[in-house]
Protein backbone atom coordinates (compact mmCIF):
# COMPACT_ATOMS: atom_id res chain seq x y z
CA MET A 1 83.03 132.00 95.29
CA LYS A 2 85.14 134.34 93.25
CA HIS A 3 85.85 133.44 89.67
CA GLY A 4 88.20 134.54 86.95
CA ILE A 5 88.29 133.86 83.27
CA LEU A 6 91.59 132.80 81.73
CA GLN A 7 92.11 132.83 77.99
CA ARG A 8 93.61 129.52 76.86
CA GLY A 9 94.44 128.96 73.21
CA GLY A 10 91.29 130.70 71.99
CA ARG A 11 89.16 128.94 74.61
CA LEU A 12 87.81 130.20 77.89
CA LEU A 13 88.64 128.35 81.07
CA LEU A 14 86.75 128.99 84.28
CA LEU A 15 89.07 129.11 87.27
CA ALA A 16 88.09 128.87 90.90
CA PHE A 17 90.15 131.24 93.00
CA LEU A 18 90.48 131.06 96.74
CA ALA A 19 88.33 133.44 98.67
CA GLY A 20 87.61 133.95 102.33
CA GLY A 21 88.99 132.28 105.44
CA PRO A 22 88.44 128.91 107.09
CA GLY A 23 84.85 127.73 107.22
CA GLU A 24 82.96 127.12 110.43
CA GLY A 25 81.72 123.57 109.89
CA ILE A 26 81.05 121.16 112.72
CA LEU A 27 84.76 120.25 112.84
CA GLN A 28 85.99 123.84 113.19
CA ALA A 29 88.87 122.71 110.98
CA ASP A 30 90.90 124.42 108.33
CA PRO A 31 90.05 123.14 104.84
CA VAL A 32 92.87 122.30 102.48
CA PRO A 33 92.42 124.65 99.49
CA VAL A 34 92.15 123.18 95.99
CA GLU A 35 92.58 125.14 92.76
CA LEU A 36 92.12 124.47 89.06
CA LEU A 37 94.79 126.20 87.02
CA ASP A 38 96.04 126.37 83.45
CA ILE A 39 99.83 126.12 83.66
CA ARG A 40 101.52 126.57 80.28
CA GLY A 41 98.64 124.92 78.41
CA SER A 42 98.15 122.11 80.93
CA LEU A 43 95.04 121.96 83.14
CA GLN A 44 96.21 121.10 86.64
CA LEU A 45 94.81 120.50 90.08
CA LEU A 46 96.66 122.20 92.93
CA ARG A 47 96.08 121.11 96.52
CA ASP A 48 97.49 123.36 99.20
CA GLY A 49 99.47 125.09 96.46
CA GLU A 50 101.15 121.91 95.15
CA PRO A 51 100.42 120.01 91.90
CA TYR A 52 98.10 117.11 92.68
CA PHE A 53 97.62 114.37 90.09
CA ILE A 54 94.98 111.98 91.38
CA LYS A 55 96.21 108.44 92.00
CA GLY A 56 92.99 107.22 93.50
CA ALA A 57 90.62 104.33 93.95
CA GLY A 58 87.05 103.68 94.96
CA GLY A 59 85.73 100.79 97.00
CA ASN A 60 85.53 99.38 100.49
CA GLY A 61 89.20 98.33 100.75
CA ASP A 62 91.70 99.25 103.44
CA LEU A 63 92.57 102.96 103.28
CA GLY A 64 95.95 102.44 104.91
CA LEU A 65 96.88 99.91 102.25
CA LEU A 66 95.74 102.26 99.48
CA ALA A 67 98.11 104.91 100.82
CA ALA A 68 100.89 102.36 101.32
CA ILE A 69 100.86 101.37 97.63
CA GLY A 70 101.10 104.99 96.50
CA GLY A 71 97.48 106.10 96.34
CA ASN A 72 96.64 109.65 97.34
CA SER A 73 92.83 109.85 97.08
CA VAL A 74 89.66 107.83 97.52
CA ARG A 75 86.28 108.33 95.89
CA THR A 76 82.88 107.81 97.50
CA TRP A 77 79.48 107.68 95.82
CA GLY A 78 77.30 108.93 98.69
CA ASP A 79 76.62 108.76 102.44
CA THR A 80 80.11 109.99 103.30
CA THR A 81 80.55 110.36 107.05
CA VAL A 82 82.87 112.48 109.15
CA GLU A 83 84.31 109.26 110.54
CA PHE A 84 85.26 108.15 107.01
CA LEU A 85 86.84 111.52 106.28
CA ASP A 86 88.78 111.25 109.53
CA ARG A 87 90.12 107.81 108.60
CA ALA A 88 91.09 108.96 105.11
CA HIS A 89 92.85 112.02 106.48
CA ALA A 90 94.71 109.91 109.04
CA ALA A 91 95.91 107.68 106.19
CA GLY A 92 97.10 110.70 104.19
CA LEU A 93 94.33 110.44 101.57
CA SER A 94 92.06 113.09 100.14
CA VAL A 95 88.41 112.30 99.39
CA CYS A 96 86.27 112.99 96.35
CA VAL A 97 83.04 113.28 98.31
CA GLY A 98 80.14 111.71 96.42
CA LEU A 99 76.65 113.20 96.60
CA TRP A 100 74.24 110.55 95.31
CA ILE A 101 71.73 112.10 92.94
CA GLU A 102 68.67 109.86 92.61
CA HIS A 103 68.08 107.95 89.36
CA GLU A 104 64.83 107.84 87.44
CA ARG A 105 65.34 104.14 86.78
CA HIS A 106 65.23 103.58 90.55
CA GLY A 107 61.82 105.20 90.72
CA PHE A 108 62.61 108.83 91.51
CA ASP A 109 60.15 111.28 89.91
CA TYR A 110 61.82 114.46 88.69
CA GLY A 111 58.36 115.88 88.06
CA ASP A 112 57.69 115.88 91.81
CA ASP A 113 58.63 119.39 92.93
CA ALA A 114 58.62 118.55 96.63
CA ALA A 115 60.85 115.49 96.17
CA VAL A 116 63.24 117.44 93.98
CA ALA A 117 63.47 120.30 96.50
CA ALA A 118 64.02 117.84 99.36
CA GLN A 119 66.84 116.14 97.49
CA ILE A 120 68.60 119.45 96.82
CA GLU A 121 68.18 120.53 100.43
CA ARG A 122 69.56 117.22 101.73
CA HIS A 123 72.73 117.48 99.68
CA CYS A 124 73.26 121.13 100.51
CA ARG A 125 73.17 120.24 104.20
CA VAL A 126 75.78 117.54 103.65
CA VAL A 127 78.01 120.10 101.94
CA ASP A 128 77.54 122.57 104.78
CA ARG A 129 78.49 119.89 107.31
CA LEU A 130 81.57 118.46 105.58
CA LYS A 131 83.03 121.30 103.52
CA ASP A 132 85.73 122.35 105.98
CA HIS A 133 87.12 118.90 106.65
CA PRO A 134 90.80 118.80 105.58
CA ALA A 135 90.30 115.50 103.72
CA VAL A 136 87.84 116.97 101.19
CA LEU A 137 89.32 117.25 97.69
CA MET A 138 86.22 117.94 95.60
CA TRP A 139 82.53 117.17 95.30
CA GLY A 140 81.23 114.42 92.98
CA ILE A 141 77.62 115.35 92.32
CA GLY A 142 75.80 112.35 90.85
CA ASN A 143 76.99 109.17 89.20
CA GLU A 144 75.68 107.97 85.82
CA VAL A 145 72.29 109.62 86.29
CA GLU A 146 71.88 109.55 82.51
CA LEU A 147 71.33 105.78 82.40
CA GLN A 148 67.74 105.22 81.19
CA TYR A 149 66.68 108.75 82.11
CA THR A 150 63.97 110.77 80.36
CA ASN A 151 63.61 113.96 82.40
CA PRO A 152 66.47 116.45 81.85
CA ARG A 153 65.51 118.15 85.10
CA VAL A 154 68.05 115.87 86.79
CA TRP A 155 70.75 118.17 85.41
CA ASP A 156 69.01 121.16 87.02
CA VAL A 157 69.26 119.38 90.38
CA ILE A 158 72.98 118.83 89.85
CA GLU A 159 73.40 122.49 88.94
CA ALA A 160 71.46 123.61 92.03
CA VAL A 161 73.75 121.61 94.31
CA ALA A 162 76.87 122.79 92.44
CA ALA A 163 75.73 126.41 92.65
CA HIS A 164 75.25 126.05 96.40
CA ILE A 165 78.77 124.67 96.71
CA ARG A 166 80.16 127.64 94.82
CA LYS A 167 78.35 129.92 97.22
CA VAL A 168 79.46 128.33 100.49
CA ASP A 169 82.70 126.50 99.67
CA PRO A 170 85.43 128.54 97.96
CA HIS A 171 88.02 125.81 98.42
CA HIS A 172 86.80 122.75 96.50
CA PRO A 173 85.73 122.24 92.85
CA THR A 174 82.60 120.47 91.66
CA MET A 175 82.27 117.48 89.36
CA THR A 176 79.51 115.31 87.94
CA VAL A 177 80.08 111.79 86.62
CA ILE A 178 78.76 110.05 83.51
CA ALA A 179 79.38 106.68 81.88
CA GLN A 180 82.10 107.01 79.20
CA ALA A 181 81.59 110.34 77.34
CA PRO A 182 78.32 110.50 75.36
CA GLU A 183 78.12 113.73 73.38
CA ARG A 184 74.47 114.40 74.19
CA GLU A 185 75.02 114.25 77.95
CA ILE A 186 78.17 116.37 77.77
CA HIS A 187 76.17 119.03 75.93
CA GLU A 188 73.45 118.85 78.59
CA ILE A 189 76.04 119.42 81.31
CA MET A 190 77.64 122.30 79.39
CA GLU A 191 74.27 124.00 78.89
CA ARG A 192 72.49 123.21 82.15
CA CYS A 193 75.32 122.93 84.69
CA PRO A 194 77.61 125.98 84.40
CA SER A 195 78.67 125.52 88.04
CA ILE A 196 80.32 122.16 87.28
CA ASP A 197 84.11 122.56 87.10
CA ILE A 198 85.21 119.03 86.17
CA LEU A 199 83.74 116.24 84.06
CA GLY A 200 83.97 112.77 85.59
CA CYS A 201 83.89 109.78 83.23
CA ASN A 202 83.61 106.12 84.20
CA SER A 203 85.51 104.28 81.47
CA TYR A 204 86.78 100.72 81.11
CA GLY A 205 87.34 99.11 77.71
CA GLY A 206 86.58 102.41 76.01
CA ILE A 207 89.29 104.38 77.73
CA GLY A 208 91.40 104.47 74.57
CA ILE A 209 88.90 106.77 72.84
CA LEU A 210 87.78 108.68 75.93
CA ALA A 211 89.94 111.80 75.53
CA GLY A 212 88.93 112.16 71.88
CA GLN A 213 85.25 111.84 72.74
CA ILE A 214 85.49 114.52 75.41
CA LEU A 215 87.30 117.00 73.19
CA GLY A 216 85.07 116.13 70.25
CA ALA A 217 82.00 117.01 72.29
CA GLY A 218 83.42 120.47 72.96
CA TRP A 219 84.26 120.10 76.65
CA GLU A 220 86.97 122.63 77.51
CA LYS A 221 87.33 122.10 81.25
CA PRO A 222 89.38 119.28 82.83
CA TYR A 223 88.20 115.73 83.29
CA ILE A 224 88.88 112.81 85.64
CA VAL A 225 88.52 109.09 84.88
CA THR A 226 86.35 108.45 87.90
CA GLU A 227 86.19 104.68 87.41
CA TRP A 228 88.72 102.69 85.40
CA GLY A 229 89.93 99.13 85.23
CA SER A 230 89.68 95.96 83.17
CA ASP A 231 86.88 95.31 80.67
CA GLY A 232 83.35 95.71 81.98
CA ASN A 233 80.84 92.90 81.74
CA TRP A 234 79.10 94.79 78.89
CA GLU A 235 82.32 94.87 76.83
CA VAL A 236 83.32 91.20 76.62
CA ASP A 237 82.44 88.19 74.50
CA LYS A 238 79.55 86.00 75.60
CA THR A 239 78.68 82.34 75.31
CA SER A 240 75.86 81.26 73.02
CA TRP A 241 73.47 81.41 75.99
CA GLY A 242 74.54 84.93 76.98
CA ALA A 243 77.01 84.33 79.82
CA GLU A 244 79.77 86.94 79.92
CA ILE A 245 83.31 85.54 79.64
CA GLU A 246 85.40 86.96 82.46
CA ALA A 247 89.16 87.46 82.24
CA SER A 248 91.50 85.96 84.81
CA SER A 249 92.90 88.25 87.50
CA THR A 250 96.23 88.18 85.66
CA LYS A 251 94.72 89.39 82.39
CA LYS A 252 92.80 92.08 84.26
CA ALA A 253 96.03 93.31 85.84
CA ARG A 254 97.64 93.58 82.41
CA GLN A 255 94.68 95.60 81.13
CA ARG A 256 94.99 97.96 84.09
CA ALA A 257 98.69 98.50 83.44
CA LEU A 258 98.04 99.49 79.83
CA ARG A 259 95.08 101.72 80.61
CA TYR A 260 96.74 103.71 83.34
CA GLY A 261 99.23 104.86 80.72
CA LEU A 262 96.37 106.58 78.89
CA ILE A 263 95.33 108.40 82.05
CA ALA A 264 98.82 109.48 83.05
CA GLY A 265 99.68 110.35 79.46
CA ASP A 266 97.06 113.08 79.08
CA ARG A 267 98.53 115.85 81.20
CA GLU A 268 96.80 118.60 79.19
CA ASN A 269 93.24 117.85 80.28
CA CYS A 270 93.16 114.84 82.62
CA LEU A 271 93.56 115.36 86.37
CA GLY A 272 94.00 111.65 87.18
CA GLY A 273 91.74 108.75 87.94
CA TYR A 274 90.09 106.43 90.46
CA ALA A 275 90.67 102.70 89.99
CA PHE A 276 87.61 100.51 90.53
CA ASN A 277 86.99 98.47 92.65
CA PHE A 278 89.44 98.76 95.52
CA GLY A 279 87.46 96.25 97.51
CA ASN A 280 85.05 93.40 96.81
CA LYS A 281 81.67 93.62 95.11
CA MET A 282 79.11 91.26 93.64
CA GLU A 283 78.54 92.55 90.11
CA THR A 284 77.86 90.01 87.34
CA THR A 285 80.14 87.63 89.28
CA PRO A 286 81.71 87.81 92.76
CA THR A 287 85.13 88.51 91.19
CA TRP A 288 84.52 90.76 88.18
CA PHE A 289 85.50 94.21 89.45
CA GLY A 290 86.92 93.65 92.92
CA MET A 291 90.68 93.78 93.44
CA PHE A 292 90.29 91.87 96.71
CA LEU A 293 88.55 88.69 97.82
CA PRO A 294 86.07 88.84 100.72
CA ASP A 295 88.76 87.53 103.08
CA GLY A 296 91.04 90.46 102.20
CA SER A 297 93.37 88.57 99.85
CA ARG A 298 94.70 90.96 97.21
CA THR A 299 94.87 90.19 93.51
CA GLU A 300 97.57 91.14 91.01
CA SER A 301 95.75 94.38 90.19
CA VAL A 302 96.79 95.77 93.58
CA ASP A 303 100.41 94.92 92.79
CA VAL A 304 100.07 96.69 89.44
CA LEU A 305 98.72 99.84 91.08
CA GLN A 306 101.67 99.88 93.45
CA TYR A 307 104.13 99.62 90.58
CA LEU A 308 102.32 102.24 88.49
CA TRP A 309 102.12 104.72 91.37
CA THR A 310 105.50 104.17 93.04
CA GLY A 311 107.72 102.51 90.43
CA THR A 312 108.46 99.73 92.94
CA PRO A 313 106.95 96.23 92.66
CA PRO A 314 105.69 94.49 95.82
CA GLU A 315 108.12 92.33 97.75
CA HIS A 316 105.64 89.46 97.81
CA PRO A 317 103.51 89.56 94.63
CA ALA A 318 100.15 87.88 94.19
CA PRO A 319 99.96 84.63 92.21
CA ARG A 320 99.48 84.79 88.44
CA ILE A 321 97.43 82.37 86.40
CA GLY A 322 96.82 81.82 82.71
CA SER A 323 94.00 80.27 80.75
CA LEU A 324 91.33 78.04 82.31
CA LEU A 325 90.05 75.19 80.11
CA LEU A 326 87.14 72.79 80.58
CA ASN A 327 87.55 69.41 78.92
CA GLY A 328 90.35 70.99 76.91
CA LEU A 329 88.17 73.80 75.53
CA PRO A 330 88.18 77.58 76.18
CA ALA A 331 85.09 79.44 77.37
CA GLU A 332 84.79 81.12 73.96
CA ASP A 333 83.71 77.72 72.58
CA SER A 334 80.42 77.92 74.57
CA VAL A 335 80.95 74.58 76.28
CA SER A 336 77.84 72.49 76.93
CA VAL A 337 78.01 69.19 78.83
CA LYS A 338 75.65 66.40 79.83
CA ALA A 339 74.12 66.08 83.27
CA GLY A 340 76.31 63.94 85.50
CA GLU A 341 79.20 63.96 83.01
CA SER A 342 82.75 63.73 84.35
CA LEU A 343 84.53 67.04 83.71
CA VAL A 344 88.16 68.11 83.89
CA ALA A 345 89.21 71.74 84.32
CA GLU A 346 92.85 72.71 83.82
CA VAL A 347 94.60 75.99 84.52
CA GLN A 348 98.06 77.29 83.77
CA VAL A 349 99.70 78.65 86.92
CA LEU A 350 102.33 81.28 86.15
CA ASP A 351 103.46 81.91 89.72
CA GLY A 352 106.55 79.71 89.47
CA HIS A 353 105.77 77.77 92.66
CA PRO A 354 102.33 76.23 92.08
CA ASP A 355 102.86 73.50 94.67
CA SER A 356 103.09 76.14 97.41
CA LEU A 357 99.70 77.62 96.50
CA GLN A 358 96.35 76.83 98.06
CA ALA A 359 93.54 76.24 95.57
CA GLU A 360 89.82 76.62 96.19
CA TRP A 361 87.30 75.51 93.56
CA ARG A 362 83.66 76.58 93.79
CA LEU A 363 80.62 75.94 91.61
CA LEU A 364 77.93 78.60 91.32
CA ALA A 365 74.72 78.89 89.36
CA GLU A 366 74.97 81.58 86.68
CA ASN A 367 73.81 84.99 87.85
CA LEU A 368 70.52 85.62 86.06
CA ARG A 369 69.64 88.83 87.92
CA LYS A 370 72.25 91.23 86.61
CA GLY A 371 71.82 94.92 87.35
CA LEU A 372 72.73 98.08 85.44
CA GLY A 373 75.33 100.65 86.32
CA GLY A 374 76.47 98.91 89.49
CA ASP A 375 73.01 98.19 90.91
CA ARG A 376 72.95 95.73 93.80
CA GLU A 377 72.86 92.08 92.71
CA PRO A 378 72.16 88.96 94.79
CA HIS A 379 74.91 86.41 95.23
CA PRO A 380 74.33 83.38 92.98
CA GLU A 381 73.43 80.04 94.52
CA GLU A 382 76.44 77.89 95.35
CA LEU A 383 76.27 74.18 94.62
CA ALA A 384 78.05 71.33 96.36
CA LEU A 385 81.25 70.41 94.56
CA ASP A 386 82.61 66.93 95.30
CA PRO A 387 85.83 66.69 93.30
CA GLN A 388 87.55 63.42 92.56
CA ALA A 389 90.85 65.34 92.46
CA SER A 390 91.76 69.02 92.73
CA GLY A 391 94.64 71.44 93.13
CA PRO A 392 96.07 74.69 91.76
CA ARG A 393 96.58 73.05 88.35
CA GLY A 394 93.11 71.62 87.87
CA ILE A 395 90.08 69.71 89.11
CA ARG A 396 88.05 66.64 88.12
CA PHE A 397 84.39 66.80 89.11
CA THR A 398 80.91 65.73 88.06
CA ALA A 399 78.55 68.04 86.20
CA PRO A 400 75.32 68.99 88.00
CA GLU A 401 72.25 66.84 87.35
CA GLU A 402 69.99 69.88 86.90
CA PRO A 403 70.08 71.46 83.43
CA GLY A 404 71.04 75.12 83.35
CA ALA A 405 73.90 77.60 83.27
CA TYR A 406 76.76 77.36 85.76
CA ARG A 407 80.15 78.88 86.46
CA LEU A 408 83.21 77.13 87.88
CA PHE A 409 85.46 79.42 89.98
CA LEU A 410 89.09 78.99 90.95
CA TYR A 411 90.70 80.94 93.79
CA VAL A 412 94.45 80.50 94.22
CA ARG A 413 96.14 81.95 97.32
CA ASN A 414 99.73 82.21 98.47
CA LYS A 415 101.03 82.51 102.04
CA ASN A 416 101.58 86.27 101.71
CA GLY A 417 97.96 87.31 101.30
CA GLY A 418 97.99 87.31 97.50
CA ALA A 419 95.34 85.66 95.34
CA ALA A 420 94.48 84.90 91.73
CA THR A 421 91.05 84.15 90.27
CA ALA A 422 89.55 82.67 87.13
CA ASN A 423 86.17 81.24 86.21
CA PHE A 424 84.56 79.26 83.42
CA PRO A 425 80.88 79.50 82.36
CA PHE A 426 79.35 76.26 81.06
CA ARG A 427 75.90 74.84 80.43
CA VAL A 428 74.35 71.53 81.41
CA GLU A 429 71.90 70.21 78.83
């Protein structure tokens, strides 16, 4: 890969220039060239010669729908197949191809030379196989490998893969992804990973200070907000017994609308972002990060993305709901009840036509096996719920007989495939 150095305001910016002709991967296809340029003091991504601000998402949702609401890119974390790249390309989406770098906290030993070499070799072969696919936008090498790590050799692995990409793929930049923007890890990347072109940061409630953290750490190359959305489970208030208090889907949508403004507003250093999770995922609760329900119903966050990306609201928006109360109290009051007690939950429906909505109430045991950094979590046990009365405005039911922590969920759906969610953690004494 040929490189040039461009002077920018007293700083040096590494640029990747196009070199060579089409690659000879298994697809025998022409790659779409991607460049990083400094245009009048603004770091920009160019794809096929045109400015390309990333309006992306990550998750297992429908790629055609992502494109239909104005998205232009999708992010993967690993195990990206040619078939997936084909589907993304057919939908008009580029792909940030994830290469999953193993985590120490999952048991990988970075002191094992053979295992380290095998991991590097495996990822290099993936690059060789996929690099010429026209859907490829860039390479995302690793995701939050710094969580609970002790051996800095992990950064050497990332650099080895990035250096291989520079050697064989002149068309696509490299990126590695960390959680938020810790100064220590940014310095490690700057010192150990010179072949990394872009910094990826997963940021939720902390997105307001993200740009300042990155600049304060001395990072001079561009960055991408590789995961963004409403508050993470580690950023919210908890009950007295430690249950995280989850926002309603309507409040989450409002948070997304505000936070996208921070991404789109930094046109000097930010290349865009990937909303999380454009799909459905069990993480803390079944509804925390997902913008869809398992049946495909879309929440208000999808509507917000469409408006942010296209300027046009959906013709048939998802329902909106307000606060959920249990026996007249908010979740912040750490509500404890007696076994077998009669309980009343009430919710404010903001849709305007609550009687046309279908309500589903479910009772789950509290998730006591929470992971870290998106680790797989089992679905909590669901309990039988025999309501005396229920609907989109509320439910009357009996508290479980078994003491413990529980969570009452509400799913509201309209006839157009839209949905709203809310839940309430409570304890039976």
